[in-house]
C-alpha atoms as a PDB file:
ATOM      1  CA  MET A   1     126.147  85.495 125.263  1.00  0.00           C
ATOM      2  CA  LYS A   2     123.385  86.037 122.744  1.00  0.00           C
ATOM      3  CA  HIS A   3     121.796  83.489 120.422  1.00  0.00           C
ATOM      4  CA  ALA A   4     121.490  84.696 116.845  1.00  0.00           C
ATOM      5  CA  LEU A   5     119.634  83.082 113.961  1.00  0.00           C
ATOM      6  CA  ILE A   6     120.959  84.015 110.532  1.00  0.00           C
ATOM      7  CA  ILE A   7     119.186  83.221 107.285  1.00  0.00           C
ATOM      8  CA  GLY A   8     121.521  83.760 104.360  1.00  0.00           C
ATOM      9  CA  GLY A   9     124.559  83.515 106.604  1.00  0.00           C
ATOM     10  CA  THR A  10     126.590  81.187 104.390  1.00  0.00           C
ATOM     11  CA  GLY A  11     126.429  83.356 101.284  1.00  0.00           C
ATOM     12  CA  MET A  12     126.514  87.119 101.102  1.00  0.00           C
ATOM     13  CA  LEU A  13     126.236  87.428 104.902  1.00  0.00           C
ATOM     14  CA  ARG A  14     129.048  84.963 105.647  1.00  0.00           C
ATOM     15  CA  ARG A  15     131.405  87.640 107.027  1.00  0.00           C
ATOM     16  CA  CYS A  16     128.637  88.990 109.273  1.00  0.00           C
ATOM     17  CA  THR A  17     128.081  85.456 110.564  1.00  0.00           C
ATOM     18  CA  THR A  18     131.754  84.936 111.384  1.00  0.00           C
ATOM     19  CA  ARG A  19     131.960  88.308 113.129  1.00  0.00           C
ATOM     20  CA  MET A  20     128.982  87.451 115.338  1.00  0.00           C
ATOM     21  CA  ALA A  21     130.422  84.068 116.256  1.00  0.00           C
ATOM     22  CA  ASP A  22     133.896  85.524 116.836  1.00  0.00           C
ATOM     23  CA  ALA A  23     132.321  88.157 119.126  1.00  0.00           C
ATOM     24  CA  GLY A  24     131.097  85.356 121.382  1.00  0.00           C
ATOM     25  CA  ASP A  25     127.503  85.002 120.241  1.00  0.00           C
ATOM     26  CA  HIS A  26     126.088  81.579 119.512  1.00  0.00           C
ATOM     27  CA  VAL A  27     124.986  81.578 115.880  1.00  0.00           C
ATOM     28  CA  SER A  28     122.442  79.221 114.340  1.00  0.00           C
ATOM     29  CA  VAL A  29     122.689  79.419 110.569  1.00  0.00           C
ATOM     30  CA  ILE A  30     120.130  78.249 108.050  1.00  0.00           C
ATOM     31  CA  ALA A  31     121.600  76.907 104.827  1.00  0.00           C
ATOM     32  CA  ARG A  32     120.528  74.677 101.984  1.00  0.00           C
ATOM     33  CA  THR A  33     123.938  73.374 100.949  1.00  0.00           C
ATOM     34  CA  TYR A  34     126.644  71.542 102.845  1.00  0.00           C
ATOM     35  CA  GLU A  35     129.410  73.101 100.747  1.00  0.00           C
ATOM     36  CA  LYS A  36     128.656  76.686 101.788  1.00  0.00           C
ATOM     37  CA  MET A  37     128.156  75.681 105.428  1.00  0.00           C
ATOM     38  CA  GLU A  38     131.493  73.863 105.504  1.00  0.00           C
ATOM     39  CA  ARG A  39     133.226  76.919 103.993  1.00  0.00           C
ATOM     40  CA  LEU A  40     131.606  79.084 106.689  1.00  0.00           C
ATOM     41  CA  GLU A  41     132.649  76.705 109.457  1.00  0.00           C
ATOM     42  CA  ALA A  42     136.241  76.607 108.188  1.00  0.00           C
ATOM     43  CA  GLY A  43     136.429  80.395 108.526  1.00  0.00           C
ATOM     44  CA  LEU A  44     135.354  80.470 112.178  1.00  0.00           C
ATOM     45  CA  ALA A  45     137.844  80.927 114.986  1.00  0.00           C
ATOM     46  CA  ASN A  46     135.527  78.911 117.261  1.00  0.00           C
ATOM     47  CA  ALA A  47     133.281  76.461 115.399  1.00  0.00           C
ATOM     48  CA  ASP A  48     131.626  75.552 118.730  1.00  0.00           C
ATOM     49  CA  MET A  49     129.710  78.839 118.415  1.00  0.00           C
ATOM     50  CA  LEU A  50     127.896  77.525 115.312  1.00  0.00           C
ATOM     51  CA  THR A  51     124.755  75.433 114.985  1.00  0.00           C
ATOM     52  CA  LYS A  52     124.213  74.244 111.439  1.00  0.00           C
ATOM     53  CA  LEU A  53     120.584  74.121 110.336  1.00  0.00           C
ATOM     54  CA  TYR A  54     120.256  72.476 106.949  1.00  0.00           C
ATOM     55  CA  VAL A  55     116.861  73.432 105.578  1.00  0.00           C
ATOM     56  CA  ASN A  56     115.303  75.027 102.541  1.00  0.00           C
ATOM     57  CA  TYR A  57     113.314  77.851 104.143  1.00  0.00           C
ATOM     58  CA  GLU A  58     110.645  77.421 101.450  1.00  0.00           C
ATOM     59  CA  ASN A  59     109.663  74.249 103.346  1.00  0.00           C
ATOM     60  CA  SER A  60     107.585  75.843 106.108  1.00  0.00           C
ATOM     61  CA  GLU A  61     107.185  72.839 108.395  1.00  0.00           C
ATOM     62  CA  GLU A  62     110.845  71.863 108.237  1.00  0.00           C
ATOM     63  CA  LEU A  63     111.866  75.483 108.888  1.00  0.00           C
ATOM     64  CA  ARG A  64     109.584  75.617 111.918  1.00  0.00           C
ATOM     65  CA  GLU A  65     111.043  72.361 113.268  1.00  0.00           C
ATOM     66  CA  LYS A  66     114.685  73.487 112.804  1.00  0.00           C
ATOM     67  CA  ILE A  67     114.024  76.717 114.696  1.00  0.00           C
ATOM     68  CA  ARG A  68     112.347  74.810 117.533  1.00  0.00           C
ATOM     69  CA  THR A  69     115.305  72.429 117.709  1.00  0.00           C
ATOM     70  CA  THR A  70     117.932  75.175 117.927  1.00  0.00           C
ATOM     71  CA  VAL A  71     115.929  77.019 120.593  1.00  0.00           C
ATOM     72  CA  LYS A  72     115.644  73.794 122.602  1.00  0.00           C
ATOM     73  CA  HIS A  73     119.408  73.151 122.411  1.00  0.00           C
ATOM     74  CA  ASN A  74     120.809  76.711 122.480  1.00  0.00           C
ATOM     75  CA  GLY A  75     118.203  78.777 124.296  1.00  0.00           C
ATOM     76  CA  PRO A  76     115.947  81.597 123.113  1.00  0.00           C
ATOM     77  CA  ILE A  77     116.935  83.559 120.042  1.00  0.00           C
ATOM     78  CA  ASP A  78     117.817  87.213 120.716  1.00  0.00           C
ATOM     79  CA  ILE A  79     118.761  88.386 117.222  1.00  0.00           C
ATOM     80  CA  VAL A  80     117.542  87.361 113.775  1.00  0.00           C
ATOM     81  CA  VAL A  81     119.289  88.460 110.609  1.00  0.00           C
ATOM     82  CA  ALA A  82     117.142  87.475 107.641  1.00  0.00           C
ATOM     83  CA  TRP A  83     117.954  87.634 103.954  1.00  0.00           C
ATOM     84  CA  ILE A  84     114.958  85.797 102.526  1.00  0.00           C
ATOM     85  CA  HIS A  85     114.081  85.636  98.852  1.00  0.00           C
ATOM     86  CA  SER A  86     110.567  86.502  97.710  1.00  0.00           C
ATOM     87  CA  SER A  87     110.021  82.854  96.733  1.00  0.00           C
ATOM     88  CA  ALA A  88     109.333  82.130 100.424  1.00  0.00           C
ATOM     89  CA  PRO A  89     106.888  84.817 101.615  1.00  0.00           C
ATOM     90  CA  GLU A  90     105.901  82.766 104.690  1.00  0.00           C
ATOM     91  CA  ALA A  91     109.445  82.156 105.956  1.00  0.00           C
ATOM     92  CA  LEU A  92     109.860  85.363 107.973  1.00  0.00           C
ATOM     93  CA  LEU A  93     106.375  84.959 109.451  1.00  0.00           C
ATOM     94  CA  ILE A  94     107.331  81.466 110.637  1.00  0.00           C
ATOM     95  CA  VAL A  95     110.577  82.751 112.137  1.00  0.00           C
ATOM     96  CA  ILE A  96     108.708  85.511 113.985  1.00  0.00           C
ATOM     97  CA  ASP A  97     106.079  83.072 115.242  1.00  0.00           C
ATOM     98  CA  GLU A  98     108.702  80.678 116.596  1.00  0.00           C
ATOM     99  CA  VAL A  99     111.088  83.190 118.191  1.00  0.00           C
ATOM    100  CA  ALA A 100     108.191  85.076 119.825  1.00  0.00           C
ATOM    101  CA  LYS A 101     107.182  81.960 121.797  1.00  0.00           C
ATOM    102  CA  ALA A 102     110.062  82.494 124.229  1.00  0.00           C
ATOM    103  CA  GLU A 103     108.640  85.912 125.182  1.00  0.00           C
ATOM    104  CA  ASN A 104     112.072  87.555 125.385  1.00  0.00           C
ATOM    105  CA  SER A 105     112.866  90.683 123.374  1.00  0.00           C
ATOM    106  CA  VAL A 106     114.067  89.783 119.878  1.00  0.00           C
ATOM    107  CA  HIS A 107     115.627  92.136 117.350  1.00  0.00           C
ATOM    108  CA  ILE A 108     114.882  91.117 113.780  1.00  0.00           C
ATOM    109  CA  PHE A 109     117.097  92.646 111.103  1.00  0.00           C
ATOM    110  CA  GLN A 110     115.452  92.076 107.737  1.00  0.00           C
ATOM    111  CA  VAL A 111     117.803  92.575 104.813  1.00  0.00           C
ATOM    112  CA  LEU A 112     115.881  93.987 101.853  1.00  0.00           C
ATOM    113  CA  GLY A 113     116.865  94.438  98.230  1.00  0.00           C
ATOM    114  CA  SER A 114     117.225  97.904  96.751  1.00  0.00           C
ATOM    115  CA  ARG A 115     113.504  98.075  95.981  1.00  0.00           C
ATOM    116  CA  GLY A 116     112.528  97.011  99.487  1.00  0.00           C
ATOM    117  CA  THR A 117     110.110  99.185 101.403  1.00  0.00           C
ATOM    118  CA  PRO A 118     110.826  98.722 105.111  1.00  0.00           C
ATOM    119  CA  GLU A 119     107.709 100.424 106.444  1.00  0.00           C
ATOM    120  CA  SER A 120     105.290  98.358 104.370  1.00  0.00           C
ATOM    121  CA  GLN A 121     107.262  95.214 105.243  1.00  0.00           C
ATOM    122  CA  ARG A 122     107.027  95.944 108.957  1.00  0.00           C
ATOM    123  CA  ARG A 123     103.290  96.671 108.770  1.00  0.00           C
ATOM    124  CA  SER A 124     102.623  93.432 106.891  1.00  0.00           C
ATOM    125  CA  LEU A 125     104.232  91.328 109.638  1.00  0.00           C
ATOM    126  CA  ASN A 126     101.778  92.053 112.490  1.00  0.00           C
ATOM    127  CA  LEU A 127     104.593  91.894 115.040  1.00  0.00           C
ATOM    128  CA  PRO A 128     104.153  90.788 118.666  1.00  0.00           C
ATOM    129  CA  GLN A 129     105.229  93.382 121.234  1.00  0.00           C
ATOM    130  CA  GLN A 130     108.548  91.702 122.081  1.00  0.00           C
ATOM    131  CA  ILE A 131     109.725  91.717 118.447  1.00  0.00           C
ATOM    132  CA  GLN A 132     111.786  94.776 117.522  1.00  0.00           C
ATOM    133  CA  TYR A 133     111.850  95.129 113.728  1.00  0.00           C
ATOM    134  CA  ARG A 134     114.909  96.586 112.019  1.00  0.00           C
ATOM    135  CA  SER A 135     115.480  97.012 108.279  1.00  0.00           C
ATOM    136  CA  VAL A 136     118.672  97.009 106.251  1.00  0.00           C
ATOM    137  CA  VAL A 137     118.181  98.056 102.628  1.00  0.00           C
ATOM    138  CA  LEU A 138     120.824  97.176 100.055  1.00  0.00           C
ATOM    139  CA  GLY A 139     121.742 100.096  97.858  1.00  0.00           C
ATOM    140  CA  LYS A 140     124.545 100.580  95.401  1.00  0.00           C
ATOM    141  CA  VAL A 141     127.944 102.263  95.325  1.00  0.00           C
ATOM    142  CA  GLU A 142     128.899 105.148  93.086  1.00  0.00           C
ATOM    143  CA  ASN A 143     132.043 104.695  91.021  1.00  0.00           C
ATOM    144  CA  GLU A 144     133.657 106.270  87.947  1.00  0.00           C
ATOM    145  CA  ASP A 145     131.262 104.424  85.602  1.00  0.00           C
ATOM    146  CA  GLY A 146     128.115 105.386  87.513  1.00  0.00           C
ATOM    147  CA  PHE A 147     126.908 102.835  90.043  1.00  0.00           C
ATOM    148  CA  ARG A 148     127.683  99.223  90.912  1.00  0.00           C
ATOM    149  CA  TRP A 149     126.014  96.697  93.179  1.00  0.00           C
ATOM    150  CA  LEU A 150     127.413  96.082  96.649  1.00  0.00           C
ATOM    151  CA  THR A 151     129.912  93.293  97.209  1.00  0.00           C
ATOM    152  CA  ASP A 152     129.200  90.535  99.739  1.00  0.00           C
ATOM    153  CA  GLU A 153     131.863  92.058 101.988  1.00  0.00           C
ATOM    154  CA  GLU A 154     130.210  95.496 101.890  1.00  0.00           C
ATOM    155  CA  ILE A 155     126.822  93.955 102.618  1.00  0.00           C
ATOM    156  CA  SER A 156     128.158  91.912 105.535  1.00  0.00           C
ATOM    157  CA  GLU A 157     129.904  94.915 107.041  1.00  0.00           C
ATOM    158  CA  GLY A 158     126.809  97.088 106.676  1.00  0.00           C
ATOM    159  CA  VAL A 159     124.569  94.469 108.281  1.00  0.00           C
ATOM    160  CA  TRP A 160     127.121  93.903 111.061  1.00  0.00           C
ATOM    161  CA  GLU A 161     127.177  97.653 111.803  1.00  0.00           C
ATOM    162  CA  ALA A 162     123.369  97.772 111.829  1.00  0.00           C
ATOM    163  CA  VAL A 163     123.268  94.907 114.358  1.00  0.00           C
ATOM    164  CA  VAL A 164     126.057  96.212 116.593  1.00  0.00           C
ATOM    165  CA  ASN A 165     124.550  99.714 116.651  1.00  0.00           C
ATOM    166  CA  ASP A 166     120.953  98.418 116.788  1.00  0.00           C
ATOM    167  CA  ARG A 167     119.897 100.696 113.944  1.00  0.00           C
ATOM    168  CA  ILE A 168     116.166 100.784 113.309  1.00  0.00           C
ATOM    169  CA  ALA A 169     116.660 101.559 109.615  1.00  0.00           C
ATOM    170  CA  SER A 170     119.829 101.355 107.563  1.00  0.00           C
ATOM    171  CA  VAL A 171     120.763 101.741 103.935  1.00  0.00           C
ATOM    172  CA  ILE A 172     124.043 100.262 102.776  1.00  0.00           C
ATOM    173  CA  GLY A 173     125.411 102.417  99.987  1.00  0.00           C
ATOM    174  CA  LYS A 174     123.040 104.736  98.145  1.00  0.00           C
ATOM    175  CA  GLN A 175     119.436 103.950  97.440  1.00  0.00           C
END
């Protein structure tokens, strides 16, 4: 059983979160609102596979403490799926710092918007050796009117496939 930390797992990545938990992984999910977390929990086949971490990831010290708590109770984190808004530039650095303390190999899947540049992101993180960086860039889908943004379901499925197949770089849709 793996321990996954998902940031953004109650919103657009909700289906990815449920698939990980249903596959037998323990999933710690960071969320700001009780309503979205309760909706996520209601959709799980086994709610015992979920640790709810209520925190605004813009609060660096509280984020750090929540990660430490889940590691203490659920063991080292093996997988991180992170959809972090640009309003919290330190959040991913804090996550990396905390998960790297266990010294096990950790795969971090950073979900980036359509303008995301994975290579510059990876370089800016100064990653410890045991952290394996993966990027998932959100594109768009072509339709009869041109292009449309991805749905939450399409995003979740694309991220899930990137995690399951351990893809170093993925684009969901067209960039």
